[in-house]
Amino acid sequence: MVEAVTRKFAGKLENARFEQADARDLGNHAEGSFDAILFSFNGLDTLGAEERAMFLDEARRVLRDDGLLAFSSHNLSALDQVFRFKRARSVAKLIEHTKRKAIQLSRNPPLSKLMARDWALVYDGTHGKLLRHYYVTPPAQVRQLAEHGFGEIRVIDTKTGDELEPDSRAAARARWPYFFARAQKRA
């Protein structure tokens, strides 16, 4: 991906540099050395709560003041959409949906208990069936970002591109909202 982006923007962005890094270890990058960090495809959600908090601290450290952090995340408020049994168009899909539903029901607390939280690690039945994802409500994600030194936080619906109020019904129904946050000035 980095190679493709580098080729696409070659000669178009002065002094641009694209890198791929382990989100859990940004220690080899200097403080304030990045203008922007993009964590795409809900990748941040493969980290547990402590690793996620460490990443947010490290992202803030390596971003310059007013630098941009952008990422998408699984929305805990929309978890009922994930746990809903889907209509299958073939026997193969019916089997796939049934297996996913069995994983969801057997490896997680009841849906009502999950959705009463601000965040939860959820076995949603995707990506090899045994991977847990971090699900978070939009208001809780906004609070976490603020606690880790970010402001000017925007929540964007990935389907419509609309900006959402974190506490709105629309934000609660967006399955994978994007979050854009600016690194606040260091003290």
C-alpha atoms as a PDB file:
ATOM      1  CA  MET A   1       0.000   0.000   0.000  1.00  0.00           C
ATOM      2  CA  VAL A   2       2.806   2.411   0.889  1.00  0.00           C
ATOM      3  CA  GLU A   3       4.477   1.766  -2.473  1.00  0.00           C
ATOM      4  CA  ALA A   4       1.217   2.436  -4.338  1.00  0.00           C
ATOM      5  CA  VAL A   5       0.597   5.714  -2.468  1.00  0.00           C
ATOM      6  CA  THR A   6       4.211   6.805  -2.963  1.00  0.00           C
ATOM      7  CA  ARG A   7       3.926   6.206  -6.726  1.00  0.00           C
ATOM      8  CA  LYS A   8       0.560   7.938  -6.962  1.00  0.00           C
ATOM      9  CA  PHE A   9       1.765  11.103  -5.240  1.00  0.00           C
ATOM     10  CA  ALA A  10       5.317  11.177  -6.613  1.00  0.00           C
ATOM     11  CA  GLY A  11       6.126  14.755  -7.599  1.00  0.00           C
ATOM     12  CA  LYS A  12       2.726  16.016  -6.406  1.00  0.00           C
ATOM     13  CA  LEU A  13       3.406  16.540  -2.710  1.00  0.00           C
ATOM     14  CA  GLU A  14       6.568  18.373  -1.786  1.00  0.00           C
ATOM     15  CA  ASN A  15       8.564  16.689   1.007  1.00  0.00           C
ATOM     16  CA  ALA A  16       5.960  13.936   1.378  1.00  0.00           C
ATOM     17  CA  ARG A  17       6.988  10.673   2.986  1.00  0.00           C
ATOM     18  CA  PHE A  18       4.754   7.635   3.444  1.00  0.00           C
ATOM     19  CA  GLU A  19       5.602   4.922   5.957  1.00  0.00           C
ATOM     20  CA  GLN A  20       4.142   1.746   7.342  1.00  0.00           C
ATOM     21  CA  ALA A  21       4.746   1.063  11.035  1.00  0.00           C
ATOM     22  CA  ASP A  22       3.635  -1.166  13.878  1.00  0.00           C
ATOM     23  CA  ALA A  23       1.076   0.911  15.757  1.00  0.00           C
ATOM     24  CA  ARG A  24       2.187  -0.653  19.021  1.00  0.00           C
ATOM     25  CA  ASP A  25       5.752   0.597  18.628  1.00  0.00           C
ATOM     26  CA  LEU A  26       6.393   4.055  17.185  1.00  0.00           C
ATOM     27  CA  GLY A  27       9.460   4.543  19.397  1.00  0.00           C
ATOM     28  CA  ASN A  28      11.857   4.893  16.460  1.00  0.00           C
ATOM     29  CA  HIS A  29      10.045   8.046  15.292  1.00  0.00           C
ATOM     30  CA  ALA A  30      10.882  11.456  16.732  1.00  0.00           C
ATOM     31  CA  GLU A  31       8.385  13.641  18.572  1.00  0.00           C
ATOM     32  CA  GLY A  32       6.379  15.784  16.146  1.00  0.00           C
ATOM     33  CA  SER A  33       7.782  14.033  13.060  1.00  0.00           C
ATOM     34  CA  PHE A  34       4.473  13.389  11.238  1.00  0.00           C
ATOM     35  CA  ASP A  35       1.834  15.682   9.769  1.00  0.00           C
ATOM     36  CA  ALA A  36      -0.763  12.905   9.583  1.00  0.00           C
ATOM     37  CA  ILE A  37      -1.387   9.299  10.605  1.00  0.00           C
ATOM     38  CA  LEU A  38      -3.956   7.117   8.859  1.00  0.00           C
ATOM     39  CA  PHE A  39      -5.010   3.804  10.393  1.00  0.00           C
ATOM     40  CA  SER A  40      -7.345   2.355   7.780  1.00  0.00           C
ATOM     41  CA  PHE A  41      -9.816  -0.528   7.530  1.00  0.00           C
ATOM     42  CA  ASN A  42     -10.622  -0.673  11.272  1.00  0.00           C
ATOM     43  CA  GLY A  43      -7.068  -1.885  11.878  1.00  0.00           C
ATOM     44  CA  LEU A  44      -6.911  -0.084  15.211  1.00  0.00           C
ATOM     45  CA  ASP A  45      -9.698  -2.379  16.423  1.00  0.00           C
ATOM     46  CA  THR A  46      -7.402  -5.405  16.436  1.00  0.00           C
ATOM     47  CA  LEU A  47      -5.625  -3.895  19.450  1.00  0.00           C
ATOM     48  CA  GLY A  48      -6.873  -4.439  22.979  1.00  0.00           C
ATOM     49  CA  ALA A  49      -7.786  -1.563  25.282  1.00  0.00           C
ATOM     50  CA  GLU A  50      -4.282  -1.043  26.728  1.00  0.00           C
ATOM     51  CA  GLU A  51      -2.559  -1.274  23.329  1.00  0.00           C
ATOM     52  CA  ARG A  52      -5.111   1.121  21.876  1.00  0.00           C
ATOM     53  CA  ALA A  53      -4.438   3.669  24.626  1.00  0.00           C
ATOM     54  CA  MET A  54      -0.673   3.258  24.070  1.00  0.00           C
ATOM     55  CA  PHE A  55      -1.169   3.850  20.339  1.00  0.00           C
ATOM     56  CA  LEU A  56      -3.168   7.041  20.965  1.00  0.00           C
ATOM     57  CA  ASP A  57      -0.402   8.337  23.250  1.00  0.00           C
ATOM     58  CA  GLU A  58       2.280   7.444  20.706  1.00  0.00           C
ATOM     59  CA  ALA A  59       0.301   8.904  17.809  1.00  0.00           C
ATOM     60  CA  ARG A  60      -0.005  12.161  19.725  1.00  0.00           C
ATOM     61  CA  ARG A  61       3.736  12.122  20.464  1.00  0.00           C
ATOM     62  CA  VAL A  62       4.852  11.602  16.856  1.00  0.00           C
ATOM     63  CA  LEU A  63       2.311  14.031  15.362  1.00  0.00           C
ATOM     64  CA  ARG A  64       3.263  17.670  15.133  1.00  0.00           C
ATOM     65  CA  ASP A  65       0.961  20.122  16.917  1.00  0.00           C
ATOM     66  CA  ASP A  66      -2.240  20.309  14.831  1.00  0.00           C
ATOM     67  CA  GLY A  67      -1.280  17.058  13.044  1.00  0.00           C
ATOM     68  CA  LEU A  68      -4.136  14.847  11.862  1.00  0.00           C
ATOM     69  CA  LEU A  69      -5.049  11.373  13.112  1.00  0.00           C
ATOM     70  CA  ALA A  70      -7.619   9.504  10.978  1.00  0.00           C
ATOM     71  CA  PHE A  71      -9.019   6.032  11.550  1.00  0.00           C
ATOM     72  CA  SER A  72     -12.195   4.009  11.274  1.00  0.00           C
ATOM     73  CA  SER A  73     -13.586   1.897  14.083  1.00  0.00           C
ATOM     74  CA  HIS A  74     -16.255  -0.698  14.807  1.00  0.00           C
ATOM     75  CA  ASN A  75     -19.247   1.031  16.398  1.00  0.00           C
ATOM     76  CA  LEU A  76     -20.533  -0.692  19.540  1.00  0.00           C
ATOM     77  CA  SER A  77     -23.825   1.205  19.221  1.00  0.00           C
ATOM     78  CA  ALA A  78     -24.444  -0.595  15.906  1.00  0.00           C
ATOM     79  CA  LEU A  79     -23.475  -4.058  17.166  1.00  0.00           C
ATOM     80  CA  ASP A  80     -27.065  -5.260  16.851  1.00  0.00           C
ATOM     81  CA  GLN A  81     -26.675  -4.885  13.060  1.00  0.00           C
ATOM     82  CA  VAL A  82     -23.663  -7.219  13.158  1.00  0.00           C
ATOM     83  CA  PHE A  83     -25.435  -9.795  15.349  1.00  0.00           C
ATOM     84  CA  ARG A  84     -28.614  -9.789  13.251  1.00  0.00           C
ATOM     85  CA  PHE A  85     -29.136 -12.986  11.284  1.00  0.00           C
ATOM     86  CA  LYS A  86     -28.894 -12.157   7.605  1.00  0.00           C
ATOM     87  CA  ARG A  87     -31.045 -13.618   4.873  1.00  0.00           C
ATOM     88  CA  ALA A  88     -28.974 -16.073   2.852  1.00  0.00           C
ATOM     89  CA  ARG A  89     -29.133 -16.240  -0.938  1.00  0.00           C
ATOM     90  CA  SER A  90     -27.557 -19.693  -1.112  1.00  0.00           C
ATOM     91  CA  VAL A  91     -26.968 -22.746   1.037  1.00  0.00           C
ATOM     92  CA  ALA A  92     -23.267 -21.869   1.289  1.00  0.00           C
ATOM     93  CA  LYS A  93     -24.132 -18.387   2.630  1.00  0.00           C
ATOM     94  CA  LEU A  94     -26.665 -19.892   5.053  1.00  0.00           C
ATOM     95  CA  ILE A  95     -23.949 -22.168   6.442  1.00  0.00           C
ATOM     96  CA  GLU A  96     -21.508 -19.237   6.687  1.00  0.00           C
ATOM     97  CA  HIS A  97     -24.059 -17.037   8.503  1.00  0.00           C
ATOM     98  CA  THR A  98     -24.997 -19.877  10.859  1.00  0.00           C
ATOM     99  CA  LYS A  99     -21.341 -20.473  11.793  1.00  0.00           C
ATOM    100  CA  ARG A 100     -20.811 -16.752  12.394  1.00  0.00           C
ATOM    101  CA  LYS A 101     -23.933 -16.579  14.551  1.00  0.00           C
ATOM    102  CA  ALA A 102     -22.751 -19.601  16.591  1.00  0.00           C
ATOM    103  CA  ILE A 103     -19.413 -17.877  17.257  1.00  0.00           C
ATOM    104  CA  GLN A 104     -21.134 -14.635  18.237  1.00  0.00           C
ATOM    105  CA  LEU A 105     -23.499 -16.372  20.647  1.00  0.00           C
ATOM    106  CA  SER A 106     -20.985 -18.773  22.182  1.00  0.00           C
ATOM    107  CA  ARG A 107     -17.987 -16.447  22.660  1.00  0.00           C
ATOM    108  CA  ASN A 108     -19.613 -13.196  23.808  1.00  0.00           C
ATOM    109  CA  PRO A 109     -21.771 -11.977  26.675  1.00  0.00           C
ATOM    110  CA  PRO A 110     -25.419 -11.333  25.730  1.00  0.00           C
ATOM    111  CA  LEU A 111     -25.885  -8.548  23.178  1.00  0.00           C
ATOM    112  CA  SER A 112     -27.787  -6.381  25.691  1.00  0.00           C
ATOM    113  CA  LYS A 113     -24.825  -6.486  28.104  1.00  0.00           C
ATOM    114  CA  LEU A 114     -22.333  -5.646  25.353  1.00  0.00           C
ATOM    115  CA  MET A 115     -24.373  -2.703  24.089  1.00  0.00           C
ATOM    116  CA  ALA A 116     -24.726  -1.253  27.616  1.00  0.00           C
ATOM    117  CA  ARG A 117     -20.957  -0.559  27.664  1.00  0.00           C
ATOM    118  CA  ASP A 118     -18.852   2.249  26.203  1.00  0.00           C
ATOM    119  CA  TRP A 119     -16.482  -0.272  24.586  1.00  0.00           C
ATOM    120  CA  ALA A 120     -16.072  -4.032  24.403  1.00  0.00           C
ATOM    121  CA  LEU A 121     -13.864  -6.678  22.847  1.00  0.00           C
ATOM    122  CA  VAL A 122     -16.167  -8.710  20.619  1.00  0.00           C
ATOM    123  CA  TYR A 123     -15.830 -11.965  18.751  1.00  0.00           C
ATOM    124  CA  ASP A 124     -17.855 -10.933  15.705  1.00  0.00           C
ATOM    125  CA  GLY A 125     -17.146 -14.029  13.625  1.00  0.00           C
ATOM    126  CA  THR A 126     -15.037 -12.336  10.953  1.00  0.00           C
ATOM    127  CA  HIS A 127     -11.404 -12.780   9.880  1.00  0.00           C
ATOM    128  CA  GLY A 128     -10.767 -16.394  10.728  1.00  0.00           C
ATOM    129  CA  LYS A 129     -13.607 -16.484  13.210  1.00  0.00           C
ATOM    130  CA  LEU A 130     -11.429 -16.194  16.329  1.00  0.00           C
ATOM    131  CA  LEU A 131     -10.234 -12.597  16.141  1.00  0.00           C
ATOM    132  CA  ARG A 132     -11.639 -10.183  18.707  1.00  0.00           C
ATOM    133  CA  HIS A 133     -12.352  -6.625  17.650  1.00  0.00           C
ATOM    134  CA  TYR A 134     -12.530  -3.541  19.804  1.00  0.00           C
ATOM    135  CA  TYR A 135     -15.981  -1.951  19.442  1.00  0.00           C
ATOM    136  CA  VAL A 136     -16.564   1.541  20.847  1.00  0.00           C
ATOM    137  CA  THR A 137     -19.459   4.001  20.875  1.00  0.00           C
ATOM    138  CA  PRO A 138     -18.791   7.289  19.053  1.00  0.00           C
ATOM    139  CA  PRO A 139     -19.144   9.402  22.241  1.00  0.00           C
ATOM    140  CA  ALA A 140     -16.702   7.129  24.091  1.00  0.00           C
ATOM    141  CA  GLN A 141     -14.207   7.301  21.216  1.00  0.00           C
ATOM    142  CA  VAL A 142     -14.398  11.086  21.207  1.00  0.00           C
ATOM    143  CA  ARG A 143     -13.734  11.111  24.985  1.00  0.00           C
ATOM    144  CA  GLN A 144     -10.754   8.755  24.554  1.00  0.00           C
ATOM    145  CA  LEU A 145      -9.257  10.966  21.867  1.00  0.00           C
ATOM    146  CA  ALA A 146      -9.646  14.055  24.059  1.00  0.00           C
ATOM    147  CA  GLU A 147      -8.036  12.225  27.013  1.00  0.00           C
ATOM    148  CA  HIS A 148      -5.009  11.427  24.825  1.00  0.00           C
ATOM    149  CA  GLY A 149      -4.369  14.977  23.639  1.00  0.00           C
ATOM    150  CA  PHE A 150      -6.611  15.337  20.583  1.00  0.00           C
ATOM    151  CA  GLY A 151      -9.221  17.959  19.762  1.00  0.00           C
ATOM    152  CA  GLU A 152     -11.289  19.232  16.841  1.00  0.00           C
ATOM    153  CA  ILE A 153     -12.673  15.695  16.635  1.00  0.00           C
ATOM    154  CA  ARG A 154     -14.979  14.917  13.745  1.00  0.00           C
ATOM    155  CA  VAL A 155     -17.055  11.766  13.223  1.00  0.00           C
ATOM    156  CA  ILE A 156     -17.787  10.877   9.597  1.00  0.00           C
ATOM    157  CA  ASP A 157     -20.211   8.254   8.251  1.00  0.00           C
ATOM    158  CA  THR A 158     -18.234   6.013   5.888  1.00  0.00           C
ATOM    159  CA  LYS A 159     -21.316   5.300   3.753  1.00  0.00           C
ATOM    160  CA  THR A 160     -22.563   8.850   3.208  1.00  0.00           C
ATOM    161  CA  GLY A 161     -19.529  11.017   3.976  1.00  0.00           C
ATOM    162  CA  ASP A 162     -21.724  13.095   6.293  1.00  0.00           C
ATOM    163  CA  GLU A 163     -20.327  14.569   9.473  1.00  0.00           C
ATOM    164  CA  LEU A 164     -22.165  13.182  12.490  1.00  0.00           C
ATOM    165  CA  GLU A 165     -22.742  14.474  15.986  1.00  0.00           C
ATOM    166  CA  PRO A 166     -21.235  11.782  18.238  1.00  0.00           C
ATOM    167  CA  ASP A 167     -24.404  11.528  20.379  1.00  0.00           C
ATOM    168  CA  SER A 168     -26.810  11.434  17.427  1.00  0.00           C
ATOM    169  CA  ARG A 169     -28.942   8.513  16.289  1.00  0.00           C
ATOM    170  CA  ALA A 170     -27.168   8.613  12.923  1.00  0.00           C
ATOM    171  CA  ALA A 171     -23.804   8.157  14.661  1.00  0.00           C
ATOM    172  CA  ALA A 172     -25.241   5.260  16.661  1.00  0.00           C
ATOM    173  CA  ARG A 173     -26.268   3.491  13.435  1.00  0.00           C
ATOM    174  CA  ALA A 174     -23.030   4.051  11.466  1.00  0.00           C
ATOM    175  CA  ARG A 175     -21.273   0.657  11.580  1.00  0.00           C
ATOM    176  CA  TRP A 176     -17.709   1.857  10.912  1.00  0.00           C
ATOM    177  CA  PRO A 177     -17.439   5.617  11.401  1.00  0.00           C
ATOM    178  CA  TYR A 178     -14.238   7.464  10.634  1.00  0.00           C
ATOM    179  CA  PHE A 179     -12.719   9.690  13.293  1.00  0.00           C
ATOM    180  CA  PHE A 180     -10.573  12.701  12.386  1.00  0.00           C
ATOM    181  CA  ALA A 181      -8.772  14.415  15.246  1.00  0.00           C
ATOM    182  CA  ARG A 182      -6.147  17.148  15.528  1.00  0.00           C
ATOM    183  CA  ALA A 183      -3.213  16.841  17.903  1.00  0.00           C
ATOM    184  CA  GLN A 184      -3.501  19.594  20.495  1.00  0.00           C
ATOM    185  CA  LYS A 185      -0.567  21.882  21.255  1.00  0.00           C
ATOM    186  CA  ARG A 186       1.938  20.476  23.715  1.00  0.00           C
ATOM    187  CA  ALA A 187       2.220  22.213  27.072  1.00  0.00           C
END
